[in-house]
Amino acid sequence: MKARWKVFTIGLLCTLLLFVGANIYSYAQAVPPCCHFNIPFGVPFPLGEVGGYFGYAHFIFSGLILDTFIALSSSVFFGWLLARFWSHIVSLVDRFVIALKAWNETRL
């Protein structure tokens, strides 16, 4: 049972890192088209806006709450999915590696 918790934790952390990376990338790509306009950043909901005449940035708290909820719930789901099907994934990879080795032996 401990191995399933480790796999669940790995799936959870990988999905959370994916959401954090997507939001950081969204912020890095947020360049307003003009110095007077604002542009939102955040994935899947806007976390904030950046730009304006003075170049300010502020958070949109409803987007922050929704993004946190979506990231946590999808991370729990994908962590559970990975833990549930981990043995199937490992056996599939093992069969693929065995078939690849057999193919490589015929090629030499």
N, C-alpha and C. Protein backbone atom coordinates (compact mmCIF):
# COMPACT_ATOMS: atom_id res chain seq x y z
N MET A 1 0.82 -1.20 0.00
CA MET A 1 0.00 0.00 0.00
C MET A 1 0.86 1.27 0.00
N LYS A 2 2.07 1.19 0.59
CA LYS A 2 2.93 2.36 0.62
C LYS A 2 3.39 2.78 -0.77
N ALA A 3 3.62 1.80 -1.64
CA ALA A 3 4.07 2.13 -3.00
C ALA A 3 3.00 2.92 -3.74
N ARG A 4 1.74 2.61 -3.51
CA ARG A 4 0.67 3.36 -4.18
C ARG A 4 0.64 4.81 -3.70
N TRP A 5 0.92 5.04 -2.41
CA TRP A 5 0.96 6.41 -1.91
C TRP A 5 2.12 7.19 -2.51
N LYS A 6 3.25 6.51 -2.72
CA LYS A 6 4.39 7.18 -3.35
C LYS A 6 4.05 7.56 -4.79
N VAL A 7 3.42 6.64 -5.51
CA VAL A 7 3.03 6.92 -6.90
C VAL A 7 1.99 8.03 -6.94
N PHE A 8 1.03 8.01 -6.01
CA PHE A 8 0.02 9.06 -5.92
C PHE A 8 0.68 10.41 -5.67
N THR A 9 1.64 10.44 -4.75
CA THR A 9 2.33 11.69 -4.43
C THR A 9 3.12 12.20 -5.63
N ILE A 10 3.76 11.30 -6.36
CA ILE A 10 4.50 11.71 -7.56
C ILE A 10 3.55 12.30 -8.60
N GLY A 11 2.42 11.64 -8.83
CA GLY A 11 1.44 12.17 -9.78
C GLY A 11 0.88 13.51 -9.35
N LEU A 12 0.61 13.65 -8.06
CA LEU A 12 0.09 14.90 -7.51
C LEU A 12 1.09 16.03 -7.71
N LEU A 13 2.34 15.79 -7.35
CA LEU A 13 3.35 16.84 -7.45
C LEU A 13 3.67 17.20 -8.90
N CYS A 14 3.69 16.21 -9.78
CA CYS A 14 3.95 16.49 -11.20
C CYS A 14 2.85 17.35 -11.80
N THR A 15 1.60 17.05 -11.46
CA THR A 15 0.50 17.84 -11.99
C THR A 15 0.50 19.25 -11.41
N LEU A 16 0.81 19.39 -10.13
CA LEU A 16 0.91 20.72 -9.54
C LEU A 16 2.04 21.52 -10.19
N LEU A 17 3.16 20.88 -10.43
CA LEU A 17 4.27 21.57 -11.09
C LEU A 17 3.91 21.98 -12.51
N LEU A 18 3.09 21.18 -13.18
CA LEU A 18 2.62 21.53 -14.52
C LEU A 18 1.78 22.80 -14.48
N PHE A 19 0.87 22.90 -13.50
CA PHE A 19 0.04 24.11 -13.38
C PHE A 19 0.88 25.32 -13.00
N VAL A 20 1.83 25.15 -12.08
CA VAL A 20 2.69 26.26 -11.69
C VAL A 20 3.52 26.73 -12.88
N GLY A 21 4.08 25.79 -13.63
CA GLY A 21 4.87 26.14 -14.81
C GLY A 21 4.04 26.84 -15.87
N ALA A 22 2.80 26.39 -16.07
CA ALA A 22 1.93 27.03 -17.06
C ALA A 22 1.60 28.46 -16.66
N ASN A 23 1.37 28.69 -15.37
CA ASN A 23 1.06 30.05 -14.91
C ASN A 23 2.29 30.96 -14.95
N ILE A 24 3.46 30.43 -14.65
CA ILE A 24 4.68 31.23 -14.76
C ILE A 24 4.93 31.60 -16.22
N TYR A 25 4.74 30.64 -17.12
CA TYR A 25 4.91 30.91 -18.55
C TYR A 25 3.89 31.96 -19.02
N SER A 26 2.66 31.86 -18.54
CA SER A 26 1.63 32.82 -18.92
C SER A 26 2.01 34.23 -18.45
N TYR A 27 2.57 34.33 -17.25
CA TYR A 27 3.01 35.63 -16.75
C TYR A 27 4.19 36.16 -17.56
N ALA A 28 5.10 35.28 -17.93
CA ALA A 28 6.28 35.70 -18.69
C ALA A 28 5.90 36.17 -20.09
N GLN A 29 4.84 35.62 -20.66
CA GLN A 29 4.42 35.99 -22.00
C GLN A 29 3.42 37.15 -22.03
N ALA A 30 3.02 37.65 -20.87
CA ALA A 30 2.02 38.72 -20.79
C ALA A 30 2.68 40.07 -21.07
N VAL A 31 2.62 40.49 -22.31
CA VAL A 31 3.15 41.79 -22.71
C VAL A 31 2.00 42.59 -23.31
N PRO A 32 1.65 43.71 -22.69
CA PRO A 32 0.54 44.51 -23.22
C PRO A 32 0.87 45.05 -24.61
N PRO A 33 -0.16 45.19 -25.46
CA PRO A 33 0.08 45.70 -26.81
C PRO A 33 0.45 47.18 -26.85
N CYS A 34 0.10 47.91 -25.80
CA CYS A 34 0.39 49.34 -25.73
C CYS A 34 0.68 49.68 -24.27
N CYS A 35 1.34 50.79 -24.02
CA CYS A 35 1.72 51.11 -22.65
C CYS A 35 0.53 51.49 -21.78
N HIS A 36 -0.64 51.75 -22.35
CA HIS A 36 -1.81 52.13 -21.56
C HIS A 36 -2.75 50.96 -21.28
N PHE A 37 -2.52 49.82 -21.88
CA PHE A 37 -3.43 48.68 -21.73
C PHE A 37 -2.94 47.70 -20.68
N ASN A 38 -3.88 46.95 -20.16
CA ASN A 38 -3.58 45.85 -19.24
C ASN A 38 -3.77 44.54 -19.98
N ILE A 39 -3.05 43.51 -19.55
CA ILE A 39 -3.22 42.18 -20.13
C ILE A 39 -3.29 41.17 -18.99
N PRO A 40 -4.28 40.27 -19.05
CA PRO A 40 -4.38 39.27 -17.98
C PRO A 40 -3.38 38.14 -18.18
N PHE A 41 -3.03 37.49 -17.08
CA PHE A 41 -2.18 36.30 -17.14
C PHE A 41 -2.77 35.25 -16.22
N GLY A 42 -2.49 33.99 -16.52
CA GLY A 42 -2.97 32.88 -15.71
C GLY A 42 -3.62 31.81 -16.56
N VAL A 43 -3.49 30.56 -16.10
CA VAL A 43 -4.06 29.41 -16.79
C VAL A 43 -4.76 28.55 -15.75
N PRO A 44 -5.97 28.10 -15.91
CA PRO A 44 -6.98 28.31 -16.94
C PRO A 44 -7.81 29.57 -16.72
N PHE A 45 -7.75 30.19 -15.54
CA PHE A 45 -8.47 31.43 -15.27
C PHE A 45 -7.44 32.54 -15.05
N PRO A 46 -7.81 33.79 -15.33
CA PRO A 46 -6.84 34.87 -15.12
C PRO A 46 -6.51 35.05 -13.64
N LEU A 47 -5.21 34.99 -13.33
CA LEU A 47 -4.73 35.18 -11.96
C LEU A 47 -4.53 36.66 -11.64
N GLY A 48 -4.25 37.44 -12.66
CA GLY A 48 -3.99 38.85 -12.43
C GLY A 48 -3.85 39.59 -13.74
N GLU A 49 -3.52 40.86 -13.61
CA GLU A 49 -3.31 41.72 -14.77
C GLU A 49 -1.99 42.44 -14.60
N VAL A 50 -1.35 42.69 -15.71
CA VAL A 50 -0.09 43.42 -15.70
C VAL A 50 -0.14 44.47 -16.80
N GLY A 51 0.54 45.57 -16.60
CA GLY A 51 0.60 46.61 -17.62
C GLY A 51 0.06 47.93 -17.09
N GLY A 52 -0.40 48.74 -17.99
CA GLY A 52 -0.89 50.05 -17.62
C GLY A 52 0.19 51.11 -17.77
N TYR A 53 -0.20 52.35 -17.58
CA TYR A 53 0.72 53.46 -17.77
C TYR A 53 1.89 53.40 -16.78
N PHE A 54 1.61 52.99 -15.54
CA PHE A 54 2.66 52.94 -14.53
C PHE A 54 3.26 51.54 -14.39
N GLY A 55 2.79 50.58 -15.17
CA GLY A 55 3.36 49.24 -15.16
C GLY A 55 3.05 48.42 -13.93
N TYR A 56 1.87 48.57 -13.39
CA TYR A 56 1.52 47.84 -12.18
C TYR A 56 1.07 46.42 -12.50
N ALA A 57 1.03 45.60 -11.49
CA ALA A 57 0.49 44.23 -11.59
C ALA A 57 -0.36 43.99 -10.35
N HIS A 58 -1.51 43.37 -10.55
CA HIS A 58 -2.35 43.04 -9.39
C HIS A 58 -3.01 41.69 -9.62
N PHE A 59 -3.40 41.07 -8.52
CA PHE A 59 -4.02 39.75 -8.56
C PHE A 59 -5.54 39.88 -8.64
N ILE A 60 -6.15 38.92 -9.32
CA ILE A 60 -7.61 38.78 -9.34
C ILE A 60 -7.91 37.61 -8.42
N PHE A 61 -8.48 37.88 -7.25
CA PHE A 61 -8.60 36.85 -6.23
C PHE A 61 -9.59 35.75 -6.60
N SER A 62 -10.62 36.06 -7.38
CA SER A 62 -11.53 34.99 -7.82
C SER A 62 -10.80 34.03 -8.75
N GLY A 63 -9.95 34.55 -9.63
CA GLY A 63 -9.15 33.69 -10.50
C GLY A 63 -8.14 32.89 -9.71
N LEU A 64 -7.56 33.49 -8.68
CA LEU A 64 -6.60 32.79 -7.83
C LEU A 64 -7.26 31.63 -7.10
N ILE A 65 -8.46 31.84 -6.59
CA ILE A 65 -9.19 30.78 -5.88
C ILE A 65 -9.60 29.68 -6.86
N LEU A 66 -10.12 30.05 -8.03
CA LEU A 66 -10.52 29.05 -9.03
C LEU A 66 -9.33 28.27 -9.56
N ASP A 67 -8.22 28.96 -9.82
CA ASP A 67 -7.01 28.26 -10.29
C ASP A 67 -6.49 27.29 -9.24
N THR A 68 -6.50 27.70 -7.99
CA THR A 68 -6.05 26.81 -6.91
C THR A 68 -6.95 25.60 -6.81
N PHE A 69 -8.26 25.80 -6.89
CA PHE A 69 -9.19 24.68 -6.81
C PHE A 69 -9.01 23.72 -7.99
N ILE A 70 -8.91 24.25 -9.20
CA ILE A 70 -8.72 23.42 -10.39
C ILE A 70 -7.40 22.66 -10.31
N ALA A 71 -6.33 23.33 -9.91
CA ALA A 71 -5.01 22.68 -9.83
C ALA A 71 -5.02 21.57 -8.79
N LEU A 72 -5.58 21.82 -7.62
CA LEU A 72 -5.60 20.79 -6.58
C LEU A 72 -6.49 19.61 -6.95
N SER A 73 -7.68 19.89 -7.48
CA SER A 73 -8.58 18.79 -7.81
C SER A 73 -8.04 17.95 -8.97
N SER A 74 -7.49 18.59 -9.98
CA SER A 74 -6.93 17.80 -11.09
C SER A 74 -5.67 17.06 -10.66
N SER A 75 -4.89 17.63 -9.75
CA SER A 75 -3.71 16.93 -9.25
C SER A 75 -4.09 15.70 -8.45
N VAL A 76 -5.12 15.82 -7.63
CA VAL A 76 -5.60 14.65 -6.88
C VAL A 76 -6.12 13.60 -7.84
N PHE A 77 -6.86 14.02 -8.86
CA PHE A 77 -7.40 13.06 -9.83
C PHE A 77 -6.29 12.34 -10.59
N PHE A 78 -5.32 13.08 -11.12
CA PHE A 78 -4.25 12.44 -11.88
C PHE A 78 -3.32 11.63 -10.99
N GLY A 79 -3.14 12.04 -9.74
CA GLY A 79 -2.38 11.23 -8.80
C GLY A 79 -3.09 9.91 -8.53
N TRP A 80 -4.40 9.96 -8.33
CA TRP A 80 -5.18 8.73 -8.11
C TRP A 80 -5.15 7.85 -9.36
N LEU A 81 -5.29 8.47 -10.53
CA LEU A 81 -5.27 7.71 -11.79
C LEU A 81 -3.93 7.01 -11.99
N LEU A 82 -2.85 7.71 -11.71
CA LEU A 82 -1.53 7.11 -11.85
C LEU A 82 -1.34 5.98 -10.84
N ALA A 83 -1.78 6.18 -9.60
CA ALA A 83 -1.65 5.13 -8.59
C ALA A 83 -2.52 3.92 -8.94
N ARG A 84 -3.67 4.16 -9.51
CA ARG A 84 -4.60 3.07 -9.85
C ARG A 84 -4.05 2.20 -10.97
N PHE A 85 -3.45 2.81 -11.98
CA PHE A 85 -3.01 2.08 -13.16
C PHE A 85 -1.49 1.91 -13.23
N TRP A 86 -0.77 2.13 -12.14
CA TRP A 86 0.68 2.05 -12.14
C TRP A 86 1.18 0.66 -12.53
N SER A 87 0.56 -0.38 -11.99
CA SER A 87 1.01 -1.74 -12.31
C SER A 87 0.79 -2.05 -13.79
N HIS A 88 -0.29 -1.56 -14.37
CA HIS A 88 -0.54 -1.76 -15.80
C HIS A 88 0.49 -1.01 -16.65
N ILE A 89 0.83 0.19 -16.22
CA ILE A 89 1.82 0.98 -16.96
C ILE A 89 3.19 0.31 -16.91
N VAL A 90 3.57 -0.18 -15.73
CA VAL A 90 4.87 -0.83 -15.59
C VAL A 90 4.93 -2.10 -16.43
N SER A 91 3.87 -2.91 -16.43
CA SER A 91 3.88 -4.13 -17.23
C SER A 91 3.90 -3.81 -18.73
N LEU A 92 3.22 -2.76 -19.14
CA LEU A 92 3.25 -2.35 -20.54
C LEU A 92 4.66 -1.91 -20.95
N VAL A 93 5.32 -1.15 -20.10
CA VAL A 93 6.68 -0.72 -20.40
C VAL A 93 7.63 -1.92 -20.43
N ASP A 94 7.45 -2.87 -19.51
CA ASP A 94 8.28 -4.07 -19.51
C ASP A 94 8.12 -4.86 -20.80
N ARG A 95 6.88 -5.04 -21.24
CA ARG A 95 6.64 -5.76 -22.49
C ARG A 95 7.25 -5.02 -23.68
N PHE A 96 7.16 -3.70 -23.67
CA PHE A 96 7.74 -2.91 -24.75
C PHE A 96 9.25 -3.05 -24.78
N VAL A 97 9.89 -3.02 -23.61
CA VAL A 97 11.34 -3.15 -23.54
C VAL A 97 11.78 -4.53 -24.01
N ILE A 98 11.05 -5.57 -23.62
CA ILE A 98 11.37 -6.93 -24.05
C ILE A 98 11.23 -7.05 -25.57
N ALA A 99 10.16 -6.49 -26.13
CA ALA A 99 9.97 -6.53 -27.58
C ALA A 99 11.04 -5.72 -28.30
N LEU A 100 11.45 -4.61 -27.71
CA LEU A 100 12.49 -3.79 -28.32
C LEU A 100 13.84 -4.51 -28.31
N LYS A 101 14.13 -5.20 -27.22
CA LYS A 101 15.37 -5.99 -27.16
C LYS A 101 15.35 -7.12 -28.18
N ALA A 102 14.21 -7.79 -28.32
CA ALA A 102 14.10 -8.87 -29.31
C ALA A 102 14.26 -8.33 -30.72
N TRP A 103 13.68 -7.19 -30.99
CA TRP A 103 13.82 -6.57 -32.31
C TRP A 103 15.27 -6.18 -32.57
N ASN A 104 15.95 -5.65 -31.54
CA ASN A 104 17.33 -5.23 -31.69
C ASN A 104 18.24 -6.43 -31.96
N GLU A 105 17.95 -7.56 -31.35
CA GLU A 105 18.77 -8.76 -31.58
C GLU A 105 18.61 -9.27 -33.01
N THR A 106 17.45 -9.10 -33.60
CA THR A 106 17.26 -9.54 -34.98
C THR A 106 17.91 -8.58 -35.97
N ARG A 107 18.12 -7.34 -35.57
CA ARG A 107 18.70 -6.34 -36.46
C ARG A 107 20.21 -6.46 -36.54
N LEU A 108 20.85 -7.09 -35.56
CA LEU A 108 22.33 -7.16 -35.55
C LEU A 108 22.83 -8.24 -36.40
